[in-house]
């Protein structure tokens, strides 16, 4: 019984070359993806840092507005206490 050749040597070499080329392409794409991922990670870190700065600024502004409102209240109370009132007029 004679062995039947299923694939020629040329076919096998072509297949091997195609696999090697595919592997090379995949490695190149993987390197590009890693590079793009690193760029996106840096952008994300920068956005997070800017968000942190914005948060700090907003909180400082809110604190200043709250302090200003407290000072306005205290000023109104001081004015009310310092005002001379006619005892003959009703309170309201």
PDB file of N, CA and C in Angstrom:
ATOM      1  N   UNK A   1       0.836  -1.180   0.000  1.00  0.00           N
ATOM      2  CA  UNK A   1       0.000   0.000   0.000  1.00  0.00           C
ATOM      3  C   UNK A   1       0.885   1.250   0.000  1.00  0.00           C
ATOM      4  N   UNK A   2       0.571   2.101  -0.869  1.00  0.00           N
ATOM      5  CA  UNK A   2       1.359   3.310  -1.060  1.00  0.00           C
ATOM      6  C   UNK A   2       0.749   4.468  -0.289  1.00  0.00           C
ATOM      7  N   UNK A   3       1.640   5.290   0.329  1.00  0.00           N
ATOM      8  CA  UNK A   3       1.145   6.474   1.056  1.00  0.00           C
ATOM      9  C   UNK A   3       0.707   7.521   0.061  1.00  0.00           C
ATOM     10  N   UNK A   4      -0.442   8.042   0.327  1.00  0.00           N
ATOM     11  CA  UNK A   4      -0.959   9.082  -0.543  1.00  0.00           C
ATOM     12  C   UNK A   4      -0.559  10.445   0.031  1.00  0.00           C
ATOM     13  N   UNK A   5      -0.018  11.316  -0.760  1.00  0.00           N
ATOM     14  CA  UNK A   5       0.406  12.642  -0.335  1.00  0.00           C
ATOM     15  C   UNK A   5      -0.826  13.535  -0.293  1.00  0.00           C
ATOM     16  N   UNK A   6      -1.119  14.038   0.921  1.00  0.00           N
ATOM     17  CA  UNK A   6      -2.283  14.891   1.069  1.00  0.00           C
ATOM     18  C   UNK A   6      -1.955  16.348   0.776  1.00  0.00           C
ATOM     19  N   UNK A   7      -0.763  16.736   1.197  1.00  0.00           N
ATOM     20  CA  UNK A   7      -0.349  18.128   1.002  1.00  0.00           C
ATOM     21  C   UNK A   7       1.032  18.147   0.389  1.00  0.00           C
ATOM     22  N   UNK A   8       1.220  19.044  -0.534  1.00  0.00           N
ATOM     23  CA  UNK A   8       2.530  19.141  -1.161  1.00  0.00           C
ATOM     24  C   UNK A   8       3.476  19.945  -0.275  1.00  0.00           C
ATOM     25  N   UNK A   9       4.732  19.791  -0.531  1.00  0.00           N
ATOM     26  CA  UNK A   9       5.742  20.526   0.232  1.00  0.00           C
ATOM     27  C   UNK A   9       5.551  22.030   0.047  1.00  0.00           C
ATOM     28  N   UNK A  10       5.217  22.442  -1.131  1.00  0.00           N
ATOM     29  CA  UNK A  10       4.985  23.864  -1.415  1.00  0.00           C
ATOM     30  C   UNK A  10       3.808  24.391  -0.601  1.00  0.00           C
ATOM     31  N   UNK A  11       2.750  23.593  -0.498  1.00  0.00           N
ATOM     32  CA  UNK A  11       1.574  23.991   0.282  1.00  0.00           C
ATOM     33  C   UNK A  11       1.944  24.139   1.757  1.00  0.00           C
ATOM     34  N   UNK A  12       2.710  23.207   2.274  1.00  0.00           N
ATOM     35  CA  UNK A  12       3.114  23.237   3.690  1.00  0.00           C
ATOM     36  C   UNK A  12       3.988  24.457   3.960  1.00  0.00           C
ATOM     37  N   UNK A  13       4.917  24.752   3.083  1.00  0.00           N
ATOM     38  CA  UNK A  13       5.773  25.926   3.266  1.00  0.00           C
ATOM     39  C   UNK A  13       4.960  27.216   3.175  1.00  0.00           C
ATOM     40  N   UNK A  14       4.012  27.266   2.263  1.00  0.00           N
ATOM     41  CA  UNK A  14       3.136  28.441   2.160  1.00  0.00           C
ATOM     42  C   UNK A  14       2.319  28.633   3.420  1.00  0.00           C
ATOM     43  N   UNK A  15       1.808  27.524   3.959  1.00  0.00           N
ATOM     44  CA  UNK A  15       1.024  27.594   5.197  1.00  0.00           C
ATOM     45  C   UNK A  15       1.897  28.064   6.354  1.00  0.00           C
ATOM     46  N   UNK A  16       3.120  27.533   6.425  1.00  0.00           N
ATOM     47  CA  UNK A  16       4.052  27.926   7.480  1.00  0.00           C
ATOM     48  C   UNK A  16       4.382  29.413   7.372  1.00  0.00           C
ATOM     49  N   UNK A  17       4.605  29.872   6.155  1.00  0.00           N
ATOM     50  CA  UNK A  17       4.906  31.291   5.947  1.00  0.00           C
ATOM     51  C   UNK A  17       3.709  32.168   6.317  1.00  0.00           C
ATOM     52  N   UNK A  18       2.509  31.719   5.981  1.00  0.00           N
ATOM     53  CA  UNK A  18       1.302  32.478   6.325  1.00  0.00           C
ATOM     54  C   UNK A  18       1.140  32.563   7.841  1.00  0.00           C
ATOM     55  N   UNK A  19       1.401  31.458   8.532  1.00  0.00           N
ATOM     56  CA  UNK A  19       1.319  31.477  10.001  1.00  0.00           C
ATOM     57  C   UNK A  19       2.359  32.407  10.610  1.00  0.00           C
ATOM     58  N   UNK A  20       3.570  32.359  10.082  1.00  0.00           N
ATOM     59  CA  UNK A  20       4.627  33.238  10.598  1.00  0.00           C
ATOM     60  C   UNK A  20       4.263  34.701  10.348  1.00  0.00           C
ATOM     61  N   UNK A  21       3.718  34.990   9.188  1.00  0.00           N
ATOM     62  CA  UNK A  21       3.305  36.369   8.874  1.00  0.00           C
ATOM     63  C   UNK A  21       2.150  36.808   9.782  1.00  0.00           C
ATOM     64  N   UNK A  22       1.210  35.896  10.005  1.00  0.00           N
ATOM     65  CA  UNK A  22       0.081  36.219  10.894  1.00  0.00           C
ATOM     66  C   UNK A  22       0.575  36.475  12.312  1.00  0.00           C
ATOM     67  N   UNK A  23       1.514  35.656  12.772  1.00  0.00           N
ATOM     68  CA  UNK A  23       2.070  35.845  14.116  1.00  0.00           C
ATOM     69  C   UNK A  23       2.775  37.193  14.217  1.00  0.00           C
ATOM     70  N   UNK A  24       3.518  37.541  13.178  1.00  0.00           N
ATOM     71  CA  UNK A  24       4.219  38.823  13.149  1.00  0.00           C
ATOM     72  C   UNK A  24       3.223  39.985  13.170  1.00  0.00           C
ATOM     73  N   UNK A  25       2.169  39.858  12.372  1.00  0.00           N
ATOM     74  CA  UNK A  25       1.135  40.911  12.349  1.00  0.00           C
ATOM     75  C   UNK A  25       0.459  41.047  13.708  1.00  0.00           C
ATOM     76  N   UNK A  26       0.176  39.915  14.333  1.00  0.00           N
ATOM     77  CA  UNK A  26      -0.464  39.960  15.653  1.00  0.00           C
ATOM     78  C   UNK A  26       0.447  40.614  16.690  1.00  0.00           C
ATOM     79  N   UNK A  27       1.737  40.307  16.631  1.00  0.00           N
ATOM     80  CA  UNK A  27       2.676  40.922  17.574  1.00  0.00           C
ATOM     81  C   UNK A  27       2.752  42.432  17.345  1.00  0.00           C
ATOM     82  N   UNK A  28       2.732  42.836  16.090  1.00  0.00           N
ATOM     83  CA  UNK A  28       2.765  44.257  15.773  1.00  0.00           C
ATOM     84  C   UNK A  28       1.494  44.956  16.262  1.00  0.00           C
ATOM     85  N   UNK A  29       0.341  44.332  16.030  1.00  0.00           N
ATOM     86  CA  UNK A  29      -0.926  44.918  16.500  1.00  0.00           C
ATOM     87  C   UNK A  29      -0.957  44.995  18.027  1.00  0.00           C
ATOM     88  N   UNK A  30      -0.427  43.963  18.674  1.00  0.00           N
ATOM     89  CA  UNK A  30      -0.393  43.956  20.139  1.00  0.00           C
ATOM     90  C   UNK A  30       0.468  45.106  20.657  1.00  0.00           C
ATOM     91  N   UNK A  31       1.619  45.323  20.023  1.00  0.00           N
ATOM     92  CA  UNK A  31       2.492  46.435  20.430  1.00  0.00           C
ATOM     93  C   UNK A  31       1.788  47.772  20.236  1.00  0.00           C
ATOM     94  N   UNK A  32       1.068  47.919  19.104  1.00  0.00           N
ATOM     95  CA  UNK A  32       0.328  49.162  18.866  1.00  0.00           C
ATOM     96  C   UNK A  32      -0.766  49.358  19.912  1.00  0.00           C
ATOM     97  N   UNK A  33      -1.460  48.277  20.258  1.00  0.00           N
ATOM     98  CA  UNK A  33      -2.509  48.378  21.269  1.00  0.00           C
ATOM     99  C   UNK A  33      -1.942  48.755  22.636  1.00  0.00           C
ATOM    100  N   UNK A  34      -0.813  48.174  22.982  1.00  0.00           N
ATOM    101  CA  UNK A  34      -0.183  48.526  24.260  1.00  0.00           C
ATOM    102  C   UNK A  34       0.224  49.992  24.281  1.00  0.00           C
ATOM    103  N   UNK A  35       0.751  50.466  23.156  1.00  0.00           N
ATOM    104  CA  UNK A  35       1.147  51.876  23.068  1.00  0.00           C
ATOM    105  C   UNK A  35      -0.076  52.783  23.203  1.00  0.00           C
ATOM    106  N   UNK A  36      -1.145  52.456  22.482  1.00  0.00           N
ATOM    107  CA  UNK A  36      -2.381  53.253  22.555  1.00  0.00           C
ATOM    108  C   UNK A  36      -2.975  53.210  23.969  1.00  0.00           C
ATOM    109  N   UNK A  37      -2.908  52.047  24.599  1.00  0.00           N
ATOM    110  CA  UNK A  37      -3.402  51.907  25.974  1.00  0.00           C
ATOM    111  C   UNK A  37      -2.617  52.806  26.924  1.00  0.00           C
ATOM    112  N   UNK A  38      -1.309  52.853  26.735  1.00  0.00           N
ATOM    113  CA  UNK A  38      -0.471  53.709  27.591  1.00  0.00           C
ATOM    114  C   UNK A  38      -0.824  55.179  27.386  1.00  0.00           C
ATOM    115  N   UNK A  39      -1.059  55.576  26.142  1.00  0.00           N
ATOM    116  CA  UNK A  39      -1.443  56.969  25.863  1.00  0.00           C
ATOM    117  C   UNK A  39      -2.770  57.292  26.532  1.00  0.00           C
ATOM    118  N   UNK A  40      -3.742  56.397  26.379  1.00  0.00           N
ATOM    119  CA  UNK A  40      -5.057  56.625  26.988  1.00  0.00           C
ATOM    120  C   UNK A  40      -4.969  56.652  28.518  1.00  0.00           C
ATOM    121  N   UNK A  41      -4.117  55.820  29.087  1.00  0.00           N
ATOM    122  CA  UNK A  41      -3.941  55.800  30.545  1.00  0.00           C
ATOM    123  C   UNK A  41      -3.379  57.133  31.021  1.00  0.00           C
ATOM    124  N   UNK A  42      -2.406  57.680  30.277  1.00  0.00           N
ATOM    125  CA  UNK A  42      -1.844  58.991  30.650  1.00  0.00           C
ATOM    126  C   UNK A  42      -2.920  60.074  30.567  1.00  0.00           C
ATOM    127  N   UNK A  43      -3.738  60.028  29.512  1.00  0.00           N
ATOM    128  CA  UNK A  43      -4.814  61.019  29.376  1.00  0.00           C
ATOM    129  C   UNK A  43      -5.808  60.899  30.528  1.00  0.00           C
ATOM    130  N   UNK A  44      -6.134  59.660  30.893  1.00  0.00           N
ATOM    131  CA  UNK A  44      -7.063  59.444  31.999  1.00  0.00           C
ATOM    132  C   UNK A  44      -6.488  59.964  33.308  1.00  0.00           C
ATOM    133  N   UNK A  45      -5.214  59.701  33.544  1.00  0.00           N
ATOM    134  CA  UNK A  45      -4.576  60.202  34.763  1.00  0.00           C
ATOM    135  C   UNK A  45      -4.569  61.728  34.788  1.00  0.00           C
ATOM    136  N   UNK A  46      -4.325  62.342  33.631  1.00  0.00           N
ATOM    137  CA  UNK A  46      -4.330  63.800  33.549  1.00  0.00           C
ATOM    138  C   UNK A  46      -5.737  64.344  33.823  1.00  0.00           C
ATOM    139  N   UNK A  47      -6.758  63.706  33.262  1.00  0.00           N
ATOM    140  CA  UNK A  47      -8.140  64.143  33.503  1.00  0.00           C
ATOM    141  C   UNK A  47      -8.500  64.003  34.981  1.00  0.00           C
ATOM    142  N   UNK A  48      -8.066  62.909  35.588  1.00  0.00           N
ATOM    143  CA  UNK A  48      -8.353  62.719  37.016  1.00  0.00           C
ATOM    144  C   UNK A  48      -7.663  63.787  37.856  1.00  0.00           C
ATOM    145  N   UNK A  49      -6.450  64.147  37.489  1.00  0.00           N
ATOM    146  CA  UNK A  49      -5.728  65.199  38.222  1.00  0.00           C
ATOM    147  C   UNK A  49      -6.451  66.535  38.066  1.00  0.00           C
ATOM    148  N   UNK A  50      -6.889  66.839  36.839  1.00  0.00           N
ATOM    149  CA  UNK A  50      -7.612  68.090  36.607  1.00  0.00           C
ATOM    150  C   UNK A  50      -8.940  68.089  37.362  1.00  0.00           C
ATOM    151  N   UNK A  51      -9.607  66.939  37.408  1.00  0.00           N
ATOM    152  CA  UNK A  51     -10.858  66.842  38.166  1.00  0.00           C
ATOM    153  C   UNK A  51     -10.603  67.074  39.652  1.00  0.00           C
ATOM    154  N   UNK A  52      -9.506  66.548  40.165  1.00  0.00           N
ATOM    155  CA  UNK A  52      -9.155  66.771  41.566  1.00  0.00           C
ATOM    156  C   UNK A  52      -8.925  68.247  41.853  1.00  0.00           C
ATOM    157  N   UNK A  53      -8.237  68.932  40.943  1.00  0.00           N
ATOM    158  CA  UNK A  53      -8.011  70.368  41.110  1.00  0.00           C
ATOM    159  C   UNK A  53      -9.326  71.128  41.076  1.00  0.00           C
ATOM    160  N   UNK A  54     -10.199  70.756  40.153  1.00  0.00           N
ATOM    161  CA  UNK A  54     -11.501  71.408  40.045  1.00  0.00           C
ATOM    162  C   UNK A  54     -12.325  71.181  41.306  1.00  0.00           C
ATOM    163  N   UNK A  55     -12.286  69.960  41.817  1.00  0.00           N
ATOM    164  CA  UNK A  55     -13.016  69.642  43.051  1.00  0.00           C
ATOM    165  C   UNK A  55     -12.528  70.512  44.204  1.00  0.00           C
ATOM    166  N   UNK A  56     -11.207  70.632  44.325  1.00  0.00           N
ATOM    167  CA  UNK A  56     -10.622  71.443  45.382  1.00  0.00           C
ATOM    168  C   UNK A  56     -11.051  72.896  45.249  1.00  0.00           C
ATOM    169  N   UNK A  57     -11.048  73.404  44.024  1.00  0.00           N
ATOM    170  CA  UNK A  57     -11.449  74.786  43.780  1.00  0.00           C
ATOM    171  C   UNK A  57     -12.915  75.011  44.121  1.00  0.00           C
ATOM    172  N   UNK A  58     -13.770  74.075  43.703  1.00  0.00           N
ATOM    173  CA  UNK A  58     -15.209  74.207  43.984  1.00  0.00           C
ATOM    174  C   UNK A  58     -15.465  74.156  45.485  1.00  0.00           C
ATOM    175  N   UNK A  59     -14.803  73.248  46.183  1.00  0.00           N
ATOM    176  CA  UNK A  59     -14.992  73.156  47.635  1.00  0.00           C
ATOM    177  C   UNK A  59     -14.513  74.427  48.330  1.00  0.00           C
ATOM    178  N   UNK A  60     -13.404  74.996  47.862  1.00  0.00           N
ATOM    179  CA  UNK A  60     -12.908  76.238  48.457  1.00  0.00           C
ATOM    180  C   UNK A  60     -13.900  77.382  48.219  1.00  0.00           C
ATOM    181  N   UNK A  61     -14.471  77.432  47.010  1.00  0.00           N
ATOM    182  CA  UNK A  61     -15.464  78.473  46.701  1.00  0.00           C
ATOM    183  C   UNK A  61     -16.702  78.294  47.577  1.00  0.00           C
ATOM    184  N   UNK A  62     -17.175  77.060  47.733  1.00  0.00           N
ATOM    185  CA  UNK A  62     -18.341  76.804  48.575  1.00  0.00           C
ATOM    186  C   UNK A  62     -18.067  77.192  50.022  1.00  0.00           C
ATOM    187  N   UNK A  63     -16.876  76.888  50.498  1.00  0.00           N
ATOM    188  CA  UNK A  63     -16.516  77.260  51.870  1.00  0.00           C
ATOM    189  C   UNK A  63     -16.490  78.780  52.019  1.00  0.00           C
ATOM    190  N   UNK A  64     -15.938  79.471  51.026  1.00  0.00           N
ATOM    191  CA  UNK A  64     -15.878  80.939  51.076  1.00  0.00           C
ATOM    192  C   UNK A  64     -17.284  81.537  51.042  1.00  0.00           C
ATOM    193  N   UNK A  65     -18.177  80.977  50.214  1.00  0.00           N
ATOM    194  CA  UNK A  65     -19.549  81.481  50.164  1.00  0.00           C
ATOM    195  C   UNK A  65     -20.263  81.258  51.487  1.00  0.00           C
ATOM    196  N   UNK A  66     -20.036  80.111  52.108  1.00  0.00           N
ATOM    197  CA  UNK A  66     -20.647  79.816  53.397  1.00  0.00           C
ATOM    198  C   UNK A  66     -20.132  80.783  54.468  1.00  0.00           C
ATOM    199  N   UNK A  67     -18.832  81.023  54.454  1.00  0.00           N
ATOM    200  CA  UNK A  67     -18.245  81.952  55.415  1.00  0.00           C
ATOM    201  C   UNK A  67     -18.781  83.370  55.197  1.00  0.00           C
ATOM    202  N   UNK A  68     -18.951  83.765  53.941  1.00  0.00           N
ATOM    203  CA  UNK A  68     -19.497  85.075  53.625  1.00  0.00           C
ATOM    204  C   UNK A  68     -20.935  85.208  54.127  1.00  0.00           C
ATOM    205  N   UNK A  69     -21.734  84.157  53.941  1.00  0.00           N
ATOM    206  CA  UNK A  69     -23.118  84.186  54.428  1.00  0.00           C
ATOM    207  C   UNK A  69     -23.148  84.318  55.953  1.00  0.00           C
ATOM    208  N   UNK A  70     -22.234  83.615  56.623  1.00  0.00           N
ATOM    209  CA  UNK A  70     -22.153  83.721  58.085  1.00  0.00           C
ATOM    210  C   UNK A  70     -21.791  85.145  58.498  1.00  0.00           C
ATOM    211  N   UNK A  71     -20.835  85.745  57.815  1.00  0.00           N
ATOM    212  CA  UNK A  71     -20.450  87.127  58.131  1.00  0.00           C
ATOM    213  C   UNK A  71     -21.605  88.105  57.900  1.00  0.00           C
ATOM    214  N   UNK A  72     -22.373  87.905  56.808  1.00  0.00           N
ATOM    215  CA  UNK A  72     -23.538  88.765  56.561  1.00  0.00           C
ATOM    216  C   UNK A  72     -24.560  88.633  57.694  1.00  0.00           C
ATOM    217  N   UNK A  73     -24.808  87.396  58.143  1.00  0.00           N
ATOM    218  CA  UNK A  73     -25.745  87.188  59.252  1.00  0.00           C
ATOM    219  C   UNK A  73     -25.263  87.888  60.515  1.00  0.00           C
ATOM    220  N   UNK A  74     -23.975  87.712  60.809  1.00  0.00           N
ATOM    221  CA  UNK A  74     -23.426  88.351  62.011  1.00  0.00           C
ATOM    222  C   UNK A  74     -23.515  89.878  61.914  1.00  0.00           C
ATOM    223  N   UNK A  75     -23.279  90.429  60.728  1.00  0.00           N
ATOM    224  CA  UNK A  75     -23.375  91.871  60.545  1.00  0.00           C
ATOM    225  C   UNK A  75     -24.816  92.346  60.766  1.00  0.00           C
ATOM    226  N   UNK A  76     -25.786  91.618  60.223  1.00  0.00           N
ATOM    227  CA  UNK A  76     -27.185  91.989  60.418  1.00  0.00           C
ATOM    228  C   UNK A  76     -27.589  91.906  61.888  1.00  0.00           C
ATOM    229  N   UNK A  77     -27.088  90.887  62.590  1.00  0.00           N
ATOM    230  CA  UNK A  77     -27.382  90.784  64.024  1.00  0.00           C
ATOM    231  C   UNK A  77     -26.764  91.946  64.795  1.00  0.00           C
ATOM    232  N   UNK A  78     -25.535  92.304  64.458  1.00  0.00           N
ATOM    233  CA  UNK A  78     -24.874  93.421  65.126  1.00  0.00           C
ATOM    234  C   UNK A  78     -25.614  94.721  64.847  1.00  0.00           C
ATOM    235  N   UNK A  79     -26.076  94.924  63.623  1.00  0.00           N
ATOM    236  CA  UNK A  79     -26.843  96.134  63.293  1.00  0.00           C
ATOM    237  C   UNK A  79     -28.155  96.162  64.064  1.00  0.00           C
ATOM    238  N   UNK A  80     -28.803  95.005  64.140  1.00  0.00           N
ATOM    239  CA  UNK A  80     -30.080  94.959  64.852  1.00  0.00           C
ATOM    240  C   UNK A  80     -29.897  95.256  66.339  1.00  0.00           C
ATOM    241  N   UNK A  81     -28.828  94.737  66.923  1.00  0.00           N
ATOM    242  CA  UNK A  81     -28.590  94.989  68.343  1.00  0.00           C
ATOM    243  C   UNK A  81     -28.173  96.434  68.593  1.00  0.00           C
ATOM    244  N   UNK A  82     -27.493  97.041  67.646  1.00  0.00           N
ATOM    245  CA  UNK A  82     -27.014  98.412  67.818  1.00  0.00           C
ATOM    246  C   UNK A  82     -28.098  99.439  67.502  1.00  0.00           C
ATOM    247  N   UNK A  83     -29.125  99.029  66.833  1.00  0.00           N
ATOM    248  CA  UNK A  83     -30.169  99.987  66.437  1.00  0.00           C
ATOM    249  C   UNK A  83     -30.929 100.473  67.668  1.00  0.00           C
ATOM    250  N   UNK A  84     -31.216 101.774  67.665  1.00  0.00           N
ATOM    251  CA  UNK A  84     -32.005 102.367  68.750  1.00  0.00           C
ATOM    252  C   UNK A  84     -33.469 102.193  68.381  1.00  0.00           C
ATOM    253  N   UNK A  85     -34.211 101.620  69.303  1.00  0.00           N
ATOM    254  CA  UNK A  85     -35.598 101.319  69.045  1.00  0.00           C
ATOM    255  C   UNK A  85     -36.481 102.192  69.917  1.00  0.00           C
ATOM    256  N   UNK A  86     -37.568 102.656  69.341  1.00  0.00           N
ATOM    257  CA  UNK A  86     -38.546 103.433  70.093  1.00  0.00           C
ATOM    258  C   UNK A  86     -39.407 102.452  70.881  1.00  0.00           C
ATOM    259  N   UNK A  87     -39.371 102.540  72.211  1.00  0.00           N
ATOM    260  CA  UNK A  87     -40.114 101.568  73.031  1.00  0.00           C
ATOM    261  C   UNK A  87     -41.623 101.681  72.827  1.00  0.00           C
ATOM    262  N   UNK A  88     -42.100 102.758  72.271  1.00  0.00           N
ATOM    263  CA  UNK A  88     -43.538 102.943  72.077  1.00  0.00           C
ATOM    264  C   UNK A  88     -44.066 102.243  70.822  1.00  0.00           C
ATOM    265  N   UNK A  89     -43.148 101.918  69.908  1.00  0.00           N
ATOM    266  CA  UNK A  89     -43.574 101.225  68.677  1.00  0.00           C
ATOM    267  C   UNK A  89     -43.663  99.724  68.926  1.00  0.00           C
ATOM    268  N   UNK A  90     -44.616  99.081  68.286  1.00  0.00           N
ATOM    269  CA  UNK A  90     -44.711  97.626  68.439  1.00  0.00           C
ATOM    270  C   UNK A  90     -43.470  96.955  67.817  1.00  0.00           C
ATOM    271  N   UNK A  91     -43.185  95.754  68.265  1.00  0.00           N
ATOM    272  CA  UNK A  91     -41.993  95.050  67.776  1.00  0.00           C
ATOM    273  C   UNK A  91     -42.122  94.642  66.320  1.00  0.00           C
ATOM    274  N   UNK A  92     -43.358  94.389  65.926  1.00  0.00           N
ATOM    275  CA  UNK A  92     -43.526  93.968  64.542  1.00  0.00           C
ATOM    276  C   UNK A  92     -44.415  94.867  63.770  1.00  0.00           C
TER     277      UNK A  92
END
